[in-house]
Amino acid sequence: MFLWIALLTILVFECIRSQKKITSRQGAIAFLAANRLSWQRKEWRFDKPVWVLNSGVLLSLQEVTGKTSGQGKVRRQRFWLASDSMSQEEWRHLRQWLLNAPKAAGAREKKS
């Protein structure tokens, strides 16, 4: 019985942690140049090539402005943009931009 309560408690805390992480990554993205974008009032550059799938894109970003966090580390973010989180038109434009325009971003398409 205690094992089930402990497992349920862990599951609840993991769900809360996951939701906080998702909430912290929300916000509008504006593409500035071939390999730079603005997100959460900061400028970011593509740290690694963008992975483009039919269902989403994986962005690996490094902060350009305010390059270090409090401990002197370079701030990086890595997350998925899901196709169902935007309209079909926005998704089409995003895929087209990532696959065609920014050769510096190194977008790669994966067949899935």
PDB file of N, CA and C in Angstrom:
ATOM      1  N   MET A   1       0.823  -1.202   0.000  1.00  0.00           N
ATOM      2  CA  MET A   1       0.000   0.000   0.000  1.00  0.00           C
ATOM      3  C   MET A   1       0.864   1.262   0.000  1.00  0.00           C
ATOM      4  N   PHE A   2       1.903   1.265   0.847  1.00  0.00           N
ATOM      5  CA  PHE A   2       2.778   2.444   0.916  1.00  0.00           C
ATOM      6  C   PHE A   2       3.542   2.643  -0.388  1.00  0.00           C
ATOM      7  N   LEU A   3       3.872   1.533  -1.052  1.00  0.00           N
ATOM      8  CA  LEU A   3       4.563   1.631  -2.332  1.00  0.00           C
ATOM      9  C   LEU A   3       3.700   2.360  -3.356  1.00  0.00           C
ATOM     10  N   TRP A   4       2.404   2.044  -3.411  1.00  0.00           N
ATOM     11  CA  TRP A   4       1.504   2.702  -4.360  1.00  0.00           C
ATOM     12  C   TRP A   4       1.345   4.186  -4.051  1.00  0.00           C
ATOM     13  N   ILE A   5       1.282   4.517  -2.782  1.00  0.00           N
ATOM     14  CA  ILE A   5       1.171   5.934  -2.398  1.00  0.00           C
ATOM     15  C   ILE A   5       2.441   6.687  -2.796  1.00  0.00           C
ATOM     16  N   ALA A   6       3.586   6.077  -2.557  1.00  0.00           N
ATOM     17  CA  ALA A   6       4.856   6.704  -2.937  1.00  0.00           C
ATOM     18  C   ALA A   6       4.936   6.888  -4.448  1.00  0.00           C
ATOM     19  N   LEU A   7       4.562   5.866  -5.219  1.00  0.00           N
ATOM     20  CA  LEU A   7       4.587   5.969  -6.679  1.00  0.00           C
ATOM     21  C   LEU A   7       3.616   7.023  -7.185  1.00  0.00           C
ATOM     22  N   LEU A   8       2.439   7.086  -6.598  1.00  0.00           N
ATOM     23  CA  LEU A   8       1.451   8.092  -6.989  1.00  0.00           C
ATOM     24  C   LEU A   8       1.961   9.499  -6.679  1.00  0.00           C
ATOM     25  N   THR A   9       2.605   9.671  -5.540  1.00  0.00           N
ATOM     26  CA  THR A   9       3.168  10.966  -5.168  1.00  0.00           C
ATOM     27  C   THR A   9       4.248  11.397  -6.156  1.00  0.00           C
ATOM     28  N   ILE A  10       5.125  10.475  -6.507  1.00  0.00           N
ATOM     29  CA  ILE A  10       6.171  10.772  -7.493  1.00  0.00           C
ATOM     30  C   ILE A  10       5.549  11.164  -8.828  1.00  0.00           C
ATOM     31  N   LEU A  11       4.530  10.448  -9.257  1.00  0.00           N
ATOM     32  CA  LEU A  11       3.856  10.733 -10.517  1.00  0.00           C
ATOM     33  C   LEU A  11       3.236  12.128 -10.510  1.00  0.00           C
ATOM     34  N   VAL A  12       2.586  12.498  -9.421  1.00  0.00           N
ATOM     35  CA  VAL A  12       1.951  13.816  -9.325  1.00  0.00           C
ATOM     36  C   VAL A  12       3.006  14.921  -9.393  1.00  0.00           C
ATOM     37  N   PHE A  13       4.101  14.774  -8.646  1.00  0.00           N
ATOM     38  CA  PHE A  13       5.150  15.796  -8.671  1.00  0.00           C
ATOM     39  C   PHE A  13       5.820  15.882 -10.038  1.00  0.00           C
ATOM     40  N   GLU A  14       5.973  14.763 -10.719  1.00  0.00           N
ATOM     41  CA  GLU A  14       6.556  14.779 -12.058  1.00  0.00           C
ATOM     42  C   GLU A  14       5.630  15.492 -13.050  1.00  0.00           C
ATOM     43  N   CYS A  15       4.331  15.298 -12.912  1.00  0.00           N
ATOM     44  CA  CYS A  15       3.370  16.010 -13.770  1.00  0.00           C
ATOM     45  C   CYS A  15       3.428  17.517 -13.530  1.00  0.00           C
ATOM     46  N   ILE A  16       3.527  17.922 -12.285  1.00  0.00           N
ATOM     47  CA  ILE A  16       3.615  19.345 -11.949  1.00  0.00           C
ATOM     48  C   ILE A  16       4.897  19.940 -12.534  1.00  0.00           C
ATOM     49  N   ARG A  17       6.007  19.234 -12.391  1.00  0.00           N
ATOM     50  CA  ARG A  17       7.293  19.704 -12.920  1.00  0.00           C
ATOM     51  C   ARG A  17       7.240  19.831 -14.441  1.00  0.00           C
ATOM     52  N   SER A  18       6.613  18.862 -15.087  1.00  0.00           N
ATOM     53  CA  SER A  18       6.488  18.885 -16.539  1.00  0.00           C
ATOM     54  C   SER A  18       5.654  20.079 -17.002  1.00  0.00           C
ATOM     55  N   GLN A  19       4.552  20.360 -16.320  1.00  0.00           N
ATOM     56  CA  GLN A  19       3.704  21.488 -16.696  1.00  0.00           C
ATOM     57  C   GLN A  19       4.426  22.818 -16.508  1.00  0.00           C
ATOM     58  N   LYS A  20       5.224  22.942 -15.452  1.00  0.00           N
ATOM     59  CA  LYS A  20       5.998  24.168 -15.239  1.00  0.00           C
ATOM     60  C   LYS A  20       7.012  24.361 -16.359  1.00  0.00           C
ATOM     61  N   LYS A  21       7.630  23.282 -16.791  1.00  0.00           N
ATOM     62  CA  LYS A  21       8.610  23.360 -17.868  1.00  0.00           C
ATOM     63  C   LYS A  21       7.938  23.785 -19.174  1.00  0.00           C
ATOM     64  N   ILE A  22       6.784  23.216 -19.462  1.00  0.00           N
ATOM     65  CA  ILE A  22       6.039  23.581 -20.669  1.00  0.00           C
ATOM     66  C   ILE A  22       5.642  25.053 -20.626  1.00  0.00           C
ATOM     67  N   THR A  23       5.152  25.511 -19.495  1.00  0.00           N
ATOM     68  CA  THR A  23       4.727  26.905 -19.350  1.00  0.00           C
ATOM     69  C   THR A  23       5.892  27.866 -19.526  1.00  0.00           C
ATOM     70  N   SER A  24       7.079  27.497 -19.038  1.00  0.00           N
ATOM     71  CA  SER A  24       8.233  28.388 -19.146  1.00  0.00           C
ATOM     72  C   SER A  24       8.726  28.534 -20.578  1.00  0.00           C
ATOM     73  N   ARG A  25       8.322  27.667 -21.465  1.00  0.00           N
ATOM     74  CA  ARG A  25       8.790  27.706 -22.847  1.00  0.00           C
ATOM     75  C   ARG A  25       7.761  28.304 -23.803  1.00  0.00           C
ATOM     76  N   GLN A  26       6.716  28.901 -23.293  1.00  0.00           N
ATOM     77  CA  GLN A  26       5.705  29.499 -24.150  1.00  0.00           C
ATOM     78  C   GLN A  26       6.131  30.900 -24.567  1.00  0.00           C
ATOM     79  N   GLY A  27       5.620  31.332 -25.709  1.00  0.00           N
ATOM     80  CA  GLY A  27       5.893  32.682 -26.173  1.00  0.00           C
ATOM     81  C   GLY A  27       6.026  32.731 -27.678  1.00  0.00           C
ATOM     82  N   ALA A  28       5.889  33.922 -28.197  1.00  0.00           N
ATOM     83  CA  ALA A  28       5.979  34.129 -29.642  1.00  0.00           C
ATOM     84  C   ALA A  28       7.440  34.133 -30.084  1.00  0.00           C
ATOM     85  N   ILE A  29       7.668  33.576 -31.273  1.00  0.00           N
ATOM     86  CA  ILE A  29       9.001  33.543 -31.873  1.00  0.00           C
ATOM     87  C   ILE A  29       8.976  34.429 -33.112  1.00  0.00           C
ATOM     88  N   ALA A  30       9.994  35.285 -33.230  1.00  0.00           N
ATOM     89  CA  ALA A  30      10.142  36.125 -34.424  1.00  0.00           C
ATOM     90  C   ALA A  30      11.518  35.854 -35.017  1.00  0.00           C
ATOM     91  N   PHE A  31      11.556  35.474 -36.289  1.00  0.00           N
ATOM     92  CA  PHE A  31      12.820  35.197 -36.952  1.00  0.00           C
ATOM     93  C   PHE A  31      13.438  36.508 -37.406  1.00  0.00           C
ATOM     94  N   LEU A  32      14.688  36.727 -37.015  1.00  0.00           N
ATOM     95  CA  LEU A  32      15.375  37.984 -37.305  1.00  0.00           C
ATOM     96  C   LEU A  32      16.279  37.878 -38.520  1.00  0.00           C
ATOM     97  N   ALA A  33      17.007  36.790 -38.632  1.00  0.00           N
ATOM     98  CA  ALA A  33      17.950  36.584 -39.731  1.00  0.00           C
ATOM     99  C   ALA A  33      18.036  35.084 -39.975  1.00  0.00           C
ATOM    100  N   ALA A  34      18.951  34.690 -40.847  1.00  0.00           N
ATOM    101  CA  ALA A  34      19.051  33.290 -41.242  1.00  0.00           C
ATOM    102  C   ALA A  34      19.288  32.356 -40.067  1.00  0.00           C
ATOM    103  N   ASN A  35      19.998  32.792 -39.050  1.00  0.00           N
ATOM    104  CA  ASN A  35      20.274  31.886 -37.943  1.00  0.00           C
ATOM    105  C   ASN A  35      19.981  32.508 -36.585  1.00  0.00           C
ATOM    106  N   ARG A  36      19.151  33.543 -36.556  1.00  0.00           N
ATOM    107  CA  ARG A  36      18.814  34.199 -35.290  1.00  0.00           C
ATOM    108  C   ARG A  36      17.305  34.384 -35.168  1.00  0.00           C
ATOM    109  N   LEU A  37      16.858  34.384 -33.911  1.00  0.00           N
ATOM    110  CA  LEU A  37      15.447  34.622 -33.646  1.00  0.00           C
ATOM    111  C   LEU A  37      15.287  35.327 -32.315  1.00  0.00           C
ATOM    112  N   SER A  38      14.130  35.925 -32.141  1.00  0.00           N
ATOM    113  CA  SER A  38      13.779  36.599 -30.900  1.00  0.00           C
ATOM    114  C   SER A  38      12.702  35.775 -30.217  1.00  0.00           C
ATOM    115  N   TRP A  39      12.925  35.490 -28.929  1.00  0.00           N
ATOM    116  CA  TRP A  39      11.959  34.708 -28.145  1.00  0.00           C
ATOM    117  C   TRP A  39      12.115  35.099 -26.687  1.00  0.00           C
ATOM    118  N   GLN A  40      11.016  35.355 -26.020  1.00  0.00           N
ATOM    119  CA  GLN A  40      10.978  35.769 -24.617  1.00  0.00           C
ATOM    120  C   GLN A  40      11.866  36.988 -24.359  1.00  0.00           C
ATOM    121  N   ARG A  41      11.779  37.973 -25.256  1.00  0.00           N
ATOM    122  CA  ARG A  41      12.490  39.254 -25.163  1.00  0.00           C
ATOM    123  C   ARG A  41      14.011  39.096 -25.171  1.00  0.00           C
ATOM    124  N   LYS A  42      14.498  38.017 -25.737  1.00  0.00           N
ATOM    125  CA  LYS A  42      15.934  37.779 -25.860  1.00  0.00           C
ATOM    126  C   LYS A  42      16.236  37.342 -27.277  1.00  0.00           C
ATOM    127  N   GLU A  43      17.472  37.555 -27.668  1.00  0.00           N
ATOM    128  CA  GLU A  43      17.902  37.123 -28.993  1.00  0.00           C
ATOM    129  C   GLU A  43      18.642  35.797 -28.853  1.00  0.00           C
ATOM    130  N   TRP A  44      18.307  34.867 -29.745  1.00  0.00           N
ATOM    131  CA  TRP A  44      18.886  33.531 -29.711  1.00  0.00           C
ATOM    132  C   TRP A  44      19.438  33.199 -31.091  1.00  0.00           C
ATOM    133  N   ARG A  45      20.412  32.317 -31.126  1.00  0.00           N
ATOM    134  CA  ARG A  45      20.913  31.807 -32.400  1.00  0.00           C
ATOM    135  C   ARG A  45      20.787  30.289 -32.366  1.00  0.00           C
ATOM    136  N   PHE A  46      20.734  29.697 -33.558  1.00  0.00           N
ATOM    137  CA  PHE A  46      20.648  28.242 -33.633  1.00  0.00           C
ATOM    138  C   PHE A  46      21.985  27.660 -33.200  1.00  0.00           C
ATOM    139  N   ASP A  47      21.953  26.839 -32.178  1.00  0.00           N
ATOM    140  CA  ASP A  47      23.153  26.229 -31.632  1.00  0.00           C
ATOM    141  C   ASP A  47      23.545  24.984 -32.414  1.00  0.00           C
ATOM    142  N   LYS A  48      22.546  24.257 -32.879  1.00  0.00           N
ATOM    143  CA  LYS A  48      22.742  23.032 -33.662  1.00  0.00           C
ATOM    144  C   LYS A  48      21.770  23.061 -34.831  1.00  0.00           C
ATOM    145  N   PRO A  49      21.961  22.202 -35.816  1.00  0.00           N
ATOM    146  CA  PRO A  49      21.011  22.163 -36.938  1.00  0.00           C
ATOM    147  C   PRO A  49      19.586  21.864 -36.463  1.00  0.00           C
ATOM    148  N   VAL A  50      18.642  22.475 -37.129  1.00  0.00           N
ATOM    149  CA  VAL A  50      17.227  22.280 -36.809  1.00  0.00           C
ATOM    150  C   VAL A  50      16.755  20.961 -37.418  1.00  0.00           C
ATOM    151  N   TRP A  51      16.072  20.153 -36.618  1.00  0.00           N
ATOM    152  CA  TRP A  51      15.478  18.910 -37.121  1.00  0.00           C
ATOM    153  C   TRP A  51      14.029  19.188 -37.467  1.00  0.00           C
ATOM    154  N   VAL A  52      13.660  18.953 -38.714  1.00  0.00           N
ATOM    155  CA  VAL A  52      12.311  19.216 -39.188  1.00  0.00           C
ATOM    156  C   VAL A  52      11.629  17.881 -39.480  1.00  0.00           C
ATOM    157  N   LEU A  53      10.527  17.625 -38.792  1.00  0.00           N
ATOM    158  CA  LEU A  53       9.708  16.439 -39.022  1.00  0.00           C
ATOM    159  C   LEU A  53       8.337  16.886 -39.513  1.00  0.00           C
ATOM    160  N   ASN A  54       7.533  15.936 -39.928  1.00  0.00           N
ATOM    161  CA  ASN A  54       6.170  16.283 -40.343  1.00  0.00           C
ATOM    162  C   ASN A  54       5.334  16.764 -39.167  1.00  0.00           C
ATOM    163  N   SER A  55       5.658  16.310 -37.959  1.00  0.00           N
ATOM    164  CA  SER A  55       4.850  16.634 -36.788  1.00  0.00           C
ATOM    165  C   SER A  55       5.436  17.745 -35.924  1.00  0.00           C
ATOM    166  N   GLY A  56       6.659  18.189 -36.202  1.00  0.00           N
ATOM    167  CA  GLY A  56       7.254  19.240 -35.394  1.00  0.00           C
ATOM    168  C   GLY A  56       8.690  19.518 -35.794  1.00  0.00           C
ATOM    169  N   VAL A  57       9.292  20.494 -35.109  1.00  0.00           N
ATOM    170  CA  VAL A  57      10.693  20.830 -35.337  1.00  0.00           C
ATOM    171  C   VAL A  57      11.404  20.902 -33.987  1.00  0.00           C
ATOM    172  N   LEU A  58      12.650  20.457 -33.975  1.00  0.00           N
ATOM    173  CA  LEU A  58      13.471  20.527 -32.768  1.00  0.00           C
ATOM    174  C   LEU A  58      14.416  21.706 -32.901  1.00  0.00           C
ATOM    175  N   LEU A  59      14.309  22.656 -31.971  1.00  0.00           N
ATOM    176  CA  LEU A  59      15.167  23.832 -31.960  1.00  0.00           C
ATOM    177  C   LEU A  59      16.177  23.715 -30.830  1.00  0.00           C
ATOM    178  N   SER A  60      17.440  23.905 -31.141  1.00  0.00           N
ATOM    179  CA  SER A  60      18.508  23.993 -30.143  1.00  0.00           C
ATOM    180  C   SER A  60      19.062  25.403 -30.237  1.00  0.00           C
ATOM    181  N   LEU A  61      18.823  26.196 -29.197  1.00  0.00           N
ATOM    182  CA  LEU A  61      19.144  27.619 -29.232  1.00  0.00           C
ATOM    183  C   LEU A  61      20.186  27.994 -28.190  1.00  0.00           C
ATOM    184  N   GLN A  62      20.949  29.028 -28.500  1.00  0.00           N
ATOM    185  CA  GLN A  62      21.912  29.602 -27.566  1.00  0.00           C
ATOM    186  C   GLN A  62      21.631  31.087 -27.489  1.00  0.00           C
ATOM    187  N   GLU A  63      21.587  31.629 -26.281  1.00  0.00           N
ATOM    188  CA  GLU A  63      21.283  33.043 -26.097  1.00  0.00           C
ATOM    189  C   GLU A  63      22.426  33.907 -26.606  1.00  0.00           C
ATOM    190  N   VAL A  64      22.066  34.984 -27.327  1.00  0.00           N
ATOM    191  CA  VAL A  64      23.060  35.905 -27.881  1.00  0.00           C
ATOM    192  C   VAL A  64      23.232  37.094 -26.958  1.00  0.00           C
ATOM    193  N   THR A  65      22.143  37.747 -26.566  1.00  0.00           N
ATOM    194  CA  THR A  65      22.210  38.897 -25.673  1.00  0.00           C
ATOM    195  C   THR A  65      22.205  38.402 -24.240  1.00  0.00           C
ATOM    196  N   GLY A  66      23.018  38.955 -23.388  1.00  0.00           N
ATOM    197  CA  GLY A  66      23.122  38.478 -22.024  1.00  0.00           C
ATOM    198  C   GLY A  66      23.631  37.050 -22.031  1.00  0.00           C
ATOM    199  N   LYS A  67      24.764  36.837 -22.646  1.00  0.00           N
ATOM    200  CA  LYS A  67      25.239  35.504 -22.993  1.00  0.00           C
ATOM    201  C   LYS A  67      25.380  34.533 -21.836  1.00  0.00           C
ATOM    202  N   THR A  68      25.515  35.024 -20.623  1.00  0.00           N
ATOM    203  CA  THR A  68      25.724  34.098 -19.521  1.00  0.00           C
ATOM    204  C   THR A  68      24.627  34.219 -18.489  1.00  0.00           C
ATOM    205  N   SER A  69      24.393  33.118 -17.798  1.00  0.00           N
ATOM    206  CA  SER A  69      23.449  33.141 -16.690  1.00  0.00           C
ATOM    207  C   SER A  69      24.204  33.585 -15.444  1.00  0.00           C
ATOM    208  N   GLY A  70      23.597  33.501 -14.297  1.00  0.00           N
ATOM    209  CA  GLY A  70      24.209  33.944 -13.053  1.00  0.00           C
ATOM    210  C   GLY A  70      25.513  33.246 -12.724  1.00  0.00           C
ATOM    211  N   GLN A  71      25.702  32.004 -13.145  1.00  0.00           N
ATOM    212  CA  GLN A  71      26.918  31.265 -12.816  1.00  0.00           C
ATOM    213  C   GLN A  71      27.933  31.278 -13.952  1.00  0.00           C
ATOM    214  N   GLY A  72      27.788  32.157 -14.920  1.00  0.00           N
ATOM    215  CA  GLY A  72      28.754  32.269 -15.996  1.00  0.00           C
ATOM    216  C   GLY A  72      28.595  31.242 -17.095  1.00  0.00           C
ATOM    217  N   LYS A  73      27.511  30.512 -17.111  1.00  0.00           N
ATOM    218  CA  LYS A  73      27.285  29.502 -18.148  1.00  0.00           C
ATOM    219  C   LYS A  73      26.512  30.114 -19.311  1.00  0.00           C
ATOM    220  N   VAL A  74      26.783  29.617 -20.498  1.00  0.00           N
ATOM    221  CA  VAL A  74      26.041  30.047 -21.682  1.00  0.00           C
ATOM    222  C   VAL A  74      24.639  29.452 -21.592  1.00  0.00           C
ATOM    223  N   ARG A  75      23.627  30.296 -21.788  1.00  0.00           N
ATOM    224  CA  ARG A  75      22.245  29.817 -21.704  1.00  0.00           C
ATOM    225  C   ARG A  75      21.855  29.139 -22.991  1.00  0.00           C
ATOM    226  N   ARG A  76      21.330  27.934 -22.862  1.00  0.00           N
ATOM    227  CA  ARG A  76      20.856  27.165 -24.011  1.00  0.00           C
ATOM    228  C   ARG A  76      19.452  26.661 -23.723  1.00  0.00           C
ATOM    229  N   GLN A  77      18.673  26.560 -24.784  1.00  0.00           N
ATOM    230  CA  GLN A  77      17.334  25.994 -24.714  1.00  0.00           C
ATOM    231  C   GLN A  77      17.203  24.981 -25.834  1.00  0.00           C
ATOM    232  N   ARG A  78      16.562  23.885 -25.542  1.00  0.00           N
ATOM    233  CA  ARG A  78      16.296  22.870 -26.558  1.00  0.00           C
ATOM    234  C   ARG A  78      14.859  22.415 -26.381  1.00  0.00           C
ATOM    235  N   PHE A  79      14.060  22.562 -27.437  1.00  0.00           N
ATOM    236  CA  PHE A  79      12.660  22.170 -27.325  1.00  0.00           C
ATOM    237  C   PHE A  79      12.041  21.903 -28.685  1.00  0.00           C
ATOM    238  N   TRP A  80      10.910  21.224 -28.639  1.00  0.00           N
ATOM    239  CA  TRP A  80      10.137  20.898 -29.841  1.00  0.00           C
ATOM    240  C   TRP A  80       9.044  21.926 -30.039  1.00  0.00           C
ATOM    241  N   LEU A  81       8.838  22.313 -31.283  1.00  0.00           N
ATOM    242  CA  LEU A  81       7.652  23.074 -31.680  1.00  0.00           C
ATOM    243  C   LEU A  81       6.756  22.085 -32.420  1.00  0.00           C
ATOM    244  N   ALA A  82       5.608  21.788 -31.858  1.00  0.00           N
ATOM    245  CA  ALA A  82       4.708  20.815 -32.458  1.00  0.00           C
ATOM    246  C   ALA A  82       3.832  21.484 -33.505  1.00  0.00           C
ATOM    247  N   SER A  83       3.551  20.745 -34.565  1.00  0.00           N
ATOM    248  CA  SER A  83       2.740  21.306 -35.656  1.00  0.00           C
ATOM    249  C   SER A  83       1.319  21.601 -35.201  1.00  0.00           C
ATOM    250  N   ASP A  84       0.825  20.868 -34.205  1.00  0.00           N
ATOM    251  CA  ASP A  84      -0.544  21.101 -33.754  1.00  0.00           C
ATOM    252  C   ASP A  84      -0.642  22.269 -32.761  1.00  0.00           C
ATOM    253  N   SER A  85       0.477  22.949 -32.489  1.00  0.00           N
ATOM    254  CA  SER A  85       0.441  24.105 -31.597  1.00  0.00           C
ATOM    255  C   SER A  85       0.231  25.414 -32.357  1.00  0.00           C
ATOM    256  N   MET A  86       0.059  25.300 -33.689  1.00  0.00           N
ATOM    257  CA  MET A  86      -0.141  26.485 -34.516  1.00  0.00           C
ATOM    258  C   MET A  86      -1.090  26.146 -35.661  1.00  0.00           C
ATOM    259  N   SER A  87      -1.515  27.169 -36.357  1.00  0.00           N
ATOM    260  CA  SER A  87      -2.418  26.934 -37.484  1.00  0.00           C
ATOM    261  C   SER A  87      -1.660  26.237 -38.611  1.00  0.00           C
ATOM    262  N   GLN A  88      -2.394  25.643 -39.546  1.00  0.00           N
ATOM    263  CA  GLN A  88      -1.763  24.960 -40.678  1.00  0.00           C
ATOM    264  C   GLN A  88      -0.954  25.934 -41.528  1.00  0.00           C
ATOM    265  N   GLU A  89      -1.465  27.141 -41.686  1.00  0.00           N
ATOM    266  CA  GLU A  89      -0.753  28.146 -42.478  1.00  0.00           C
ATOM    267  C   GLU A  89       0.557  28.533 -41.795  1.00  0.00           C
ATOM    268  N   GLU A  90       0.516  28.758 -40.468  1.00  0.00           N
ATOM    269  CA  GLU A  90       1.734  29.093 -39.737  1.00  0.00           C
ATOM    270  C   GLU A  90       2.745  27.942 -39.810  1.00  0.00           C
ATOM    271  N   TRP A  91       2.265  26.715 -39.697  1.00  0.00           N
ATOM    272  CA  TRP A  91       3.141  25.544 -39.760  1.00  0.00           C
ATOM    273  C   TRP A  91       3.792  25.436 -41.148  1.00  0.00           C
ATOM    274  N   ARG A  92       3.005  25.661 -42.184  1.00  0.00           N
ATOM    275  CA  ARG A  92       3.531  25.606 -43.543  1.00  0.00           C
ATOM    276  C   ARG A  92       4.628  26.653 -43.754  1.00  0.00           C
ATOM    277  N   HIS A  93       4.365  27.871 -43.289  1.00  0.00           N
ATOM    278  CA  HIS A  93       5.358  28.943 -43.434  1.00  0.00           C
ATOM    279  C   HIS A  93       6.617  28.642 -42.624  1.00  0.00           C
ATOM    280  N   LEU A  94       6.465  28.125 -41.423  1.00  0.00           N
ATOM    281  CA  LEU A  94       7.619  27.794 -40.591  1.00  0.00           C
ATOM    282  C   LEU A  94       8.479  26.717 -41.244  1.00  0.00           C
ATOM    283  N   ARG A  95       7.850  25.653 -41.716  1.00  0.00           N
ATOM    284  CA  ARG A  95       8.601  24.580 -42.388  1.00  0.00           C
ATOM    285  C   ARG A  95       9.311  25.098 -43.630  1.00  0.00           C
ATOM    286  N   GLN A  96       8.600  25.890 -44.421  1.00  0.00           N
ATOM    287  CA  GLN A  96       9.191  26.443 -45.639  1.00  0.00           C
ATOM    288  C   GLN A  96      10.389  27.316 -45.294  1.00  0.00           C
ATOM    289  N   TRP A  97      10.254  28.159 -44.295  1.00  0.00           N
ATOM    290  CA  TRP A  97      11.343  29.046 -43.903  1.00  0.00           C
ATOM    291  C   TRP A  97      12.535  28.236 -43.405  1.00  0.00           C
ATOM    292  N   LEU A  98      12.292  27.247 -42.548  1.00  0.00           N
ATOM    293  CA  LEU A  98      13.394  26.459 -41.986  1.00  0.00           C
ATOM    294  C   LEU A  98      14.089  25.592 -43.037  1.00  0.00           C
ATOM    295  N   LEU A  99      13.340  25.081 -43.990  1.00  0.00           N
ATOM    296  CA  LEU A  99      13.936  24.200 -44.987  1.00  0.00           C
ATOM    297  C   LEU A  99      14.586  24.947 -46.151  1.00  0.00           C
ATOM    298  N   ASN A 100      14.117  26.167 -46.446  1.00  0.00           N
ATOM    299  CA  ASN A 100      14.611  26.872 -47.637  1.00  0.00           C
ATOM    300  C   ASN A 100      15.492  28.076 -47.333  1.00  0.00           C
ATOM    301  N   ALA A 101      15.025  28.971 -46.503  1.00  0.00           N
ATOM    302  CA  ALA A 101      15.711  30.258 -46.340  1.00  0.00           C
ATOM    303  C   ALA A 101      17.011  30.190 -45.548  1.00  0.00           C
ATOM    304  N   PRO A 102      16.991  29.672 -44.335  1.00  0.00           N
ATOM    305  CA  PRO A 102      18.191  29.840 -43.503  1.00  0.00           C
ATOM    306  C   PRO A 102      19.191  28.703 -43.651  1.00  0.00           C
ATOM    307  N   LYS A 103      19.966  28.724 -44.694  1.00  0.00           N
ATOM    308  CA  LYS A 103      20.972  27.670 -44.867  1.00  0.00           C
ATOM    309  C   LYS A 103      21.970  27.686 -43.715  1.00  0.00           C
ATOM    310  N   ALA A 104      22.154  28.852 -43.086  1.00  0.00           N
ATOM    311  CA  ALA A 104      23.066  28.930 -41.947  1.00  0.00           C
ATOM    312  C   ALA A 104      22.535  28.152 -40.756  1.00  0.00           C
ATOM    313  N   ALA A 105      21.208  27.996 -40.667  1.00  0.00           N
ATOM    314  CA  ALA A 105      20.628  27.243 -39.552  1.00  0.00           C
ATOM    315  C   ALA A 105      20.838  25.750 -39.739  1.00  0.00           C
ATOM    316  N   GLY A 106      21.137  25.343 -40.965  1.00  0.00           N
ATOM    317  CA  GLY A 106      21.418  23.926 -41.213  1.00  0.00           C
ATOM    318  C   GLY A 106      20.213  23.031 -41.006  1.00  0.00           C
ATOM    319  N   ALA A 107      19.060  23.447 -41.422  1.00  0.00           N
ATOM    320  CA  ALA A 107      17.844  22.645 -41.233  1.00  0.00           C
ATOM    321  C   ALA A 107      17.957  21.321 -41.949  1.00  0.00           C
ATOM    322  N   ARG A 108      17.563  20.280 -41.247  1.00  0.00           N
ATOM    323  CA  ARG A 108      17.584  18.933 -41.825  1.00  0.00           C
ATOM    324  C   ARG A 108      16.186  18.334 -41.711  1.00  0.00           C
ATOM    325  N   GLU A 109      15.756  17.736 -42.783  1.00  0.00           N
ATOM    326  CA  GLU A 109      14.437  17.101 -42.778  1.00  0.00           C
ATOM    327  C   GLU A 109      14.599  15.616 -42.549  1.00  0.00           C
ATOM    328  N   LYS A 110      13.801  15.095 -41.638  1.00  0.00           N
ATOM    329  CA  LYS A 110      13.798  13.672 -41.343  1.00  0.00           C
ATOM    330  C   LYS A 110      12.483  13.095 -41.835  1.00  0.00           C
ATOM    331  N   LYS A 111      12.566  11.971 -42.506  1.00  0.00           N
ATOM    332  CA  LYS A 111      11.361  11.278 -42.958  1.00  0.00           C
ATOM    333  C   LYS A 111      10.865  10.432 -41.815  1.00  0.00           C
ATOM    334  N   SER A 112       9.581  10.613 -41.467  1.00  0.00           N
ATOM    335  CA  SER A 112       9.020   9.798 -40.385  1.00  0.00           C
ATOM    336  C   SER A 112       7.712   9.193 -40.799  1.00  0.00           C
TER     337      SER A 112
END
